[in-house]
């Protein structure tokens, strides 16, 4: 049943009103997801592995620092609990 004017909606029973029909409208149009469909194929970028700036041996001291901090925290917790 196709309803084209508001006047014809008056003649329908309440159960057949046009408000009951599901619409394809999101609740909040601002949150509608979009997909990027245009890609720039003129610029070629290097793989992320080639642009990484980490050096060998960098950051190897952090496990020792975390071990010392953890031991100090455990000792302080035992001191305050007991």
N, C-alpha and C. Protein backbone atom coordinates (compact mmCIF):
# COMPACT_ATOMS: atom_id res chain seq x y z
N UNK A 1 0.85 -1.16 0.00
CA UNK A 1 0.00 0.00 0.00
C UNK A 1 0.90 1.23 0.00
N UNK A 2 0.75 2.10 -0.98
CA UNK A 2 1.56 3.30 -1.12
C UNK A 2 0.73 4.51 -0.75
N UNK A 3 1.22 5.28 0.19
CA UNK A 3 0.52 6.48 0.65
C UNK A 3 1.25 7.68 0.08
N UNK A 4 0.53 8.52 -0.65
CA UNK A 4 1.19 9.63 -1.33
C UNK A 4 0.86 10.99 -0.74
N UNK A 5 -0.22 11.09 0.01
CA UNK A 5 -0.57 12.40 0.56
C UNK A 5 -1.02 12.25 1.99
N UNK A 6 -0.88 13.31 2.80
CA UNK A 6 -1.33 13.24 4.19
C UNK A 6 -2.82 13.04 4.32
N UNK A 7 -3.60 13.46 3.36
CA UNK A 7 -5.05 13.31 3.43
C UNK A 7 -5.43 11.83 3.43
N UNK A 8 -4.69 11.01 2.67
CA UNK A 8 -5.04 9.59 2.63
C UNK A 8 -4.64 8.88 3.91
N UNK A 9 -3.72 9.45 4.68
CA UNK A 9 -3.31 8.84 5.94
C UNK A 9 -4.42 8.94 6.98
N UNK A 10 -5.29 9.93 6.85
CA UNK A 10 -6.41 10.08 7.79
C UNK A 10 -7.40 8.93 7.66
N UNK A 11 -7.50 8.38 6.48
CA UNK A 11 -8.47 7.33 6.23
C UNK A 11 -7.98 5.96 6.71
N UNK A 12 -6.72 5.84 7.05
CA UNK A 12 -6.18 4.55 7.47
C UNK A 12 -6.42 4.32 8.95
N UNK A 13 -6.56 3.07 9.34
CA UNK A 13 -6.61 2.79 10.78
C UNK A 13 -5.25 3.10 11.40
N UNK A 14 -5.22 3.24 12.72
CA UNK A 14 -3.98 3.62 13.40
C UNK A 14 -2.87 2.60 13.20
N UNK A 15 -3.22 1.34 13.05
CA UNK A 15 -2.20 0.32 12.89
C UNK A 15 -1.51 0.39 11.52
N UNK A 16 -2.10 1.05 10.55
CA UNK A 16 -1.53 1.15 9.21
C UNK A 16 -0.96 2.54 8.92
N UNK A 17 -0.64 3.30 9.93
CA UNK A 17 -0.16 4.66 9.69
C UNK A 17 1.23 4.62 9.07
N UNK A 18 1.60 5.63 8.31
CA UNK A 18 2.90 5.64 7.65
C UNK A 18 4.06 5.75 8.64
N UNK A 19 3.83 6.15 9.88
CA UNK A 19 4.91 6.25 10.86
C UNK A 19 5.44 4.88 11.26
N UNK A 20 4.65 3.83 11.06
CA UNK A 20 5.08 2.49 11.44
C UNK A 20 6.05 1.89 10.44
N UNK A 21 6.18 2.49 9.28
CA UNK A 21 7.06 1.94 8.26
C UNK A 21 8.52 2.25 8.61
N UNK A 22 9.37 1.26 8.46
CA UNK A 22 10.80 1.45 8.75
C UNK A 22 11.44 2.27 7.65
N UNK A 23 12.27 3.20 8.06
CA UNK A 23 12.99 4.03 7.10
C UNK A 23 14.47 3.73 7.20
N UNK A 24 15.18 3.98 6.16
CA UNK A 24 16.62 3.74 6.11
C UNK A 24 17.38 5.00 6.55
N UNK A 25 16.97 5.61 7.63
CA UNK A 25 17.60 6.82 8.13
C UNK A 25 18.26 6.51 9.46
N UNK A 26 19.55 6.87 9.63
CA UNK A 26 20.19 6.62 10.93
C UNK A 26 19.62 7.55 11.99
N UNK A 27 19.74 7.14 13.26
CA UNK A 27 19.23 7.96 14.34
C UNK A 27 19.96 9.29 14.42
N UNK A 28 21.26 9.28 14.22
CA UNK A 28 22.06 10.50 14.25
C UNK A 28 22.84 10.57 12.94
N UNK A 29 22.41 11.41 12.00
CA UNK A 29 23.08 11.46 10.70
C UNK A 29 24.54 11.88 10.80
N UNK A 30 24.92 12.61 11.87
CA UNK A 30 26.31 13.03 12.03
C UNK A 30 27.23 11.84 12.28
N UNK A 31 26.70 10.72 12.77
CA UNK A 31 27.51 9.54 13.06
C UNK A 31 27.49 8.52 11.93
N UNK A 32 26.98 8.91 10.79
CA UNK A 32 26.89 8.00 9.66
C UNK A 32 28.31 7.64 9.19
N UNK A 33 28.59 6.36 9.05
CA UNK A 33 29.93 5.94 8.64
C UNK A 33 30.11 6.17 7.15
N UNK A 34 31.31 6.59 6.80
CA UNK A 34 31.64 6.81 5.40
C UNK A 34 32.89 6.02 5.07
N UNK A 35 33.06 5.72 3.80
CA UNK A 35 34.23 4.99 3.34
C UNK A 35 34.93 5.83 2.28
N UNK A 36 36.24 5.97 2.46
CA UNK A 36 37.04 6.71 1.48
C UNK A 36 37.15 5.86 0.22
N UNK A 37 36.75 6.42 -0.90
CA UNK A 37 36.77 5.64 -2.14
C UNK A 37 37.78 6.17 -3.14
N UNK A 38 38.45 7.28 -2.84
CA UNK A 38 39.42 7.85 -3.76
C UNK A 38 40.80 7.72 -3.13
N UNK A 39 41.71 7.11 -3.85
CA UNK A 39 43.06 6.90 -3.35
C UNK A 39 44.05 7.61 -4.26
N UNK A 40 45.06 8.23 -3.66
CA UNK A 40 46.09 8.91 -4.44
C UNK A 40 47.12 7.88 -4.86
N UNK A 41 47.12 7.54 -6.13
CA UNK A 41 48.04 6.51 -6.63
C UNK A 41 49.30 7.11 -7.22
N UNK A 42 49.42 8.44 -7.21
CA UNK A 42 50.62 9.06 -7.77
C UNK A 42 51.78 9.06 -6.78
N UNK A 43 51.50 9.14 -5.48
CA UNK A 43 52.55 9.17 -4.47
C UNK A 43 52.78 7.76 -3.92
N UNK A 44 54.02 7.31 -4.01
CA UNK A 44 54.39 6.00 -3.48
C UNK A 44 55.17 6.24 -2.19
N UNK A 45 54.73 5.64 -1.10
CA UNK A 45 55.39 5.82 0.18
C UNK A 45 56.15 4.54 0.54
N UNK A 46 57.28 4.70 1.24
CA UNK A 46 58.05 3.50 1.62
C UNK A 46 57.34 2.72 2.71
N UNK A 47 57.65 1.44 2.84
CA UNK A 47 57.05 0.64 3.92
C UNK A 47 57.46 1.20 5.28
N UNK A 48 56.63 1.03 6.29
CA UNK A 48 56.96 1.56 7.62
C UNK A 48 58.26 1.01 8.19
N UNK A 49 58.61 -0.22 7.86
CA UNK A 49 59.84 -0.81 8.38
C UNK A 49 61.07 -0.02 7.94
N UNK A 50 61.04 0.51 6.72
CA UNK A 50 62.18 1.26 6.19
C UNK A 50 62.30 2.65 6.81
N UNK A 51 61.23 3.17 7.38
CA UNK A 51 61.27 4.52 7.95
C UNK A 51 61.42 4.51 9.46
N UNK A 52 61.56 3.34 10.09
CA UNK A 52 61.71 3.26 11.54
C UNK A 52 63.05 3.85 11.96
N UNK A 53 63.06 4.54 13.10
CA UNK A 53 64.28 5.21 13.53
C UNK A 53 64.91 4.56 14.76
N UNK A 54 64.52 3.38 15.15
CA UNK A 54 65.09 2.72 16.32
C UNK A 54 66.48 2.20 15.99
N UNK A 55 67.37 2.34 16.97
CA UNK A 55 68.74 1.85 16.81
C UNK A 55 68.94 0.60 17.65
N UNK A 56 69.94 -0.19 17.32
CA UNK A 56 70.22 -1.42 18.05
C UNK A 56 70.66 -1.08 19.48
N UNK A 57 70.11 -1.77 20.44
CA UNK A 57 70.45 -1.55 21.83
C UNK A 57 69.61 -0.47 22.50
N UNK A 58 68.80 0.23 21.74
CA UNK A 58 67.97 1.30 22.30
C UNK A 58 66.83 0.70 23.12
N UNK A 59 66.69 1.13 24.38
CA UNK A 59 65.61 0.68 25.23
C UNK A 59 65.87 -0.61 25.97
N UNK A 60 67.10 -1.12 25.93
CA UNK A 60 67.38 -2.39 26.61
C UNK A 60 67.46 -2.23 28.12
N UNK A 61 67.57 -1.02 28.65
CA UNK A 61 67.67 -0.81 30.08
C UNK A 61 66.33 -0.77 30.80
N UNK A 62 65.25 -0.64 30.06
CA UNK A 62 63.92 -0.52 30.69
C UNK A 62 63.50 -1.73 31.51
N UNK A 63 63.75 -2.95 31.10
CA UNK A 63 63.37 -4.09 31.97
C UNK A 63 64.03 -4.03 33.35
N UNK A 64 65.28 -3.60 33.40
CA UNK A 64 65.97 -3.50 34.70
C UNK A 64 65.33 -2.41 35.55
N UNK A 65 65.00 -1.28 34.94
CA UNK A 65 64.35 -0.18 35.67
C UNK A 65 63.00 -0.64 36.22
N UNK A 66 62.21 -1.35 35.40
CA UNK A 66 60.90 -1.84 35.88
C UNK A 66 61.06 -2.88 36.98
N UNK A 67 62.10 -3.68 36.93
CA UNK A 67 62.34 -4.67 37.97
C UNK A 67 62.66 -3.96 39.30
N UNK A 68 63.51 -2.94 39.27
CA UNK A 68 63.86 -2.20 40.48
C UNK A 68 62.63 -1.50 41.05
N UNK A 69 61.84 -0.85 40.21
CA UNK A 69 60.63 -0.15 40.67
C UNK A 69 59.65 -1.15 41.27
N UNK A 70 59.47 -2.32 40.66
CA UNK A 70 58.55 -3.32 41.17
C UNK A 70 59.00 -3.84 42.53
N UNK A 71 60.29 -4.10 42.67
CA UNK A 71 60.81 -4.59 43.96
C UNK A 71 60.60 -3.54 45.04
N UNK A 72 60.88 -2.27 44.73
CA UNK A 72 60.67 -1.19 45.72
C UNK A 72 59.20 -1.10 46.11
N UNK A 73 58.30 -1.19 45.15
CA UNK A 73 56.85 -1.11 45.44
C UNK A 73 56.40 -2.30 46.30
N UNK A 74 56.89 -3.49 46.02
CA UNK A 74 56.52 -4.66 46.81
C UNK A 74 57.04 -4.52 48.24
N UNK A 75 58.27 -4.05 48.39
CA UNK A 75 58.83 -3.85 49.72
C UNK A 75 58.03 -2.81 50.50
N UNK A 76 57.68 -1.70 49.86
CA UNK A 76 56.86 -0.67 50.51
C UNK A 76 55.47 -1.20 50.87
N UNK A 77 54.87 -1.98 49.99
CA UNK A 77 53.55 -2.54 50.28
C UNK A 77 53.61 -3.48 51.47
N UNK A 78 54.61 -4.33 51.53
CA UNK A 78 54.76 -5.24 52.68
C UNK A 78 55.01 -4.46 53.96
N UNK A 79 55.79 -3.40 53.89
CA UNK A 79 56.08 -2.57 55.07
C UNK A 79 54.78 -1.92 55.62
N UNK A 80 53.96 -1.38 54.69
CA UNK A 80 52.73 -0.70 55.13
C UNK A 80 51.66 -1.68 55.58
N UNK A 81 51.62 -2.88 55.01
CA UNK A 81 50.61 -3.86 55.39
C UNK A 81 50.95 -4.51 56.73
N UNK A 82 52.21 -4.84 56.92
CA UNK A 82 52.60 -5.55 58.14
C UNK A 82 52.98 -4.59 59.19
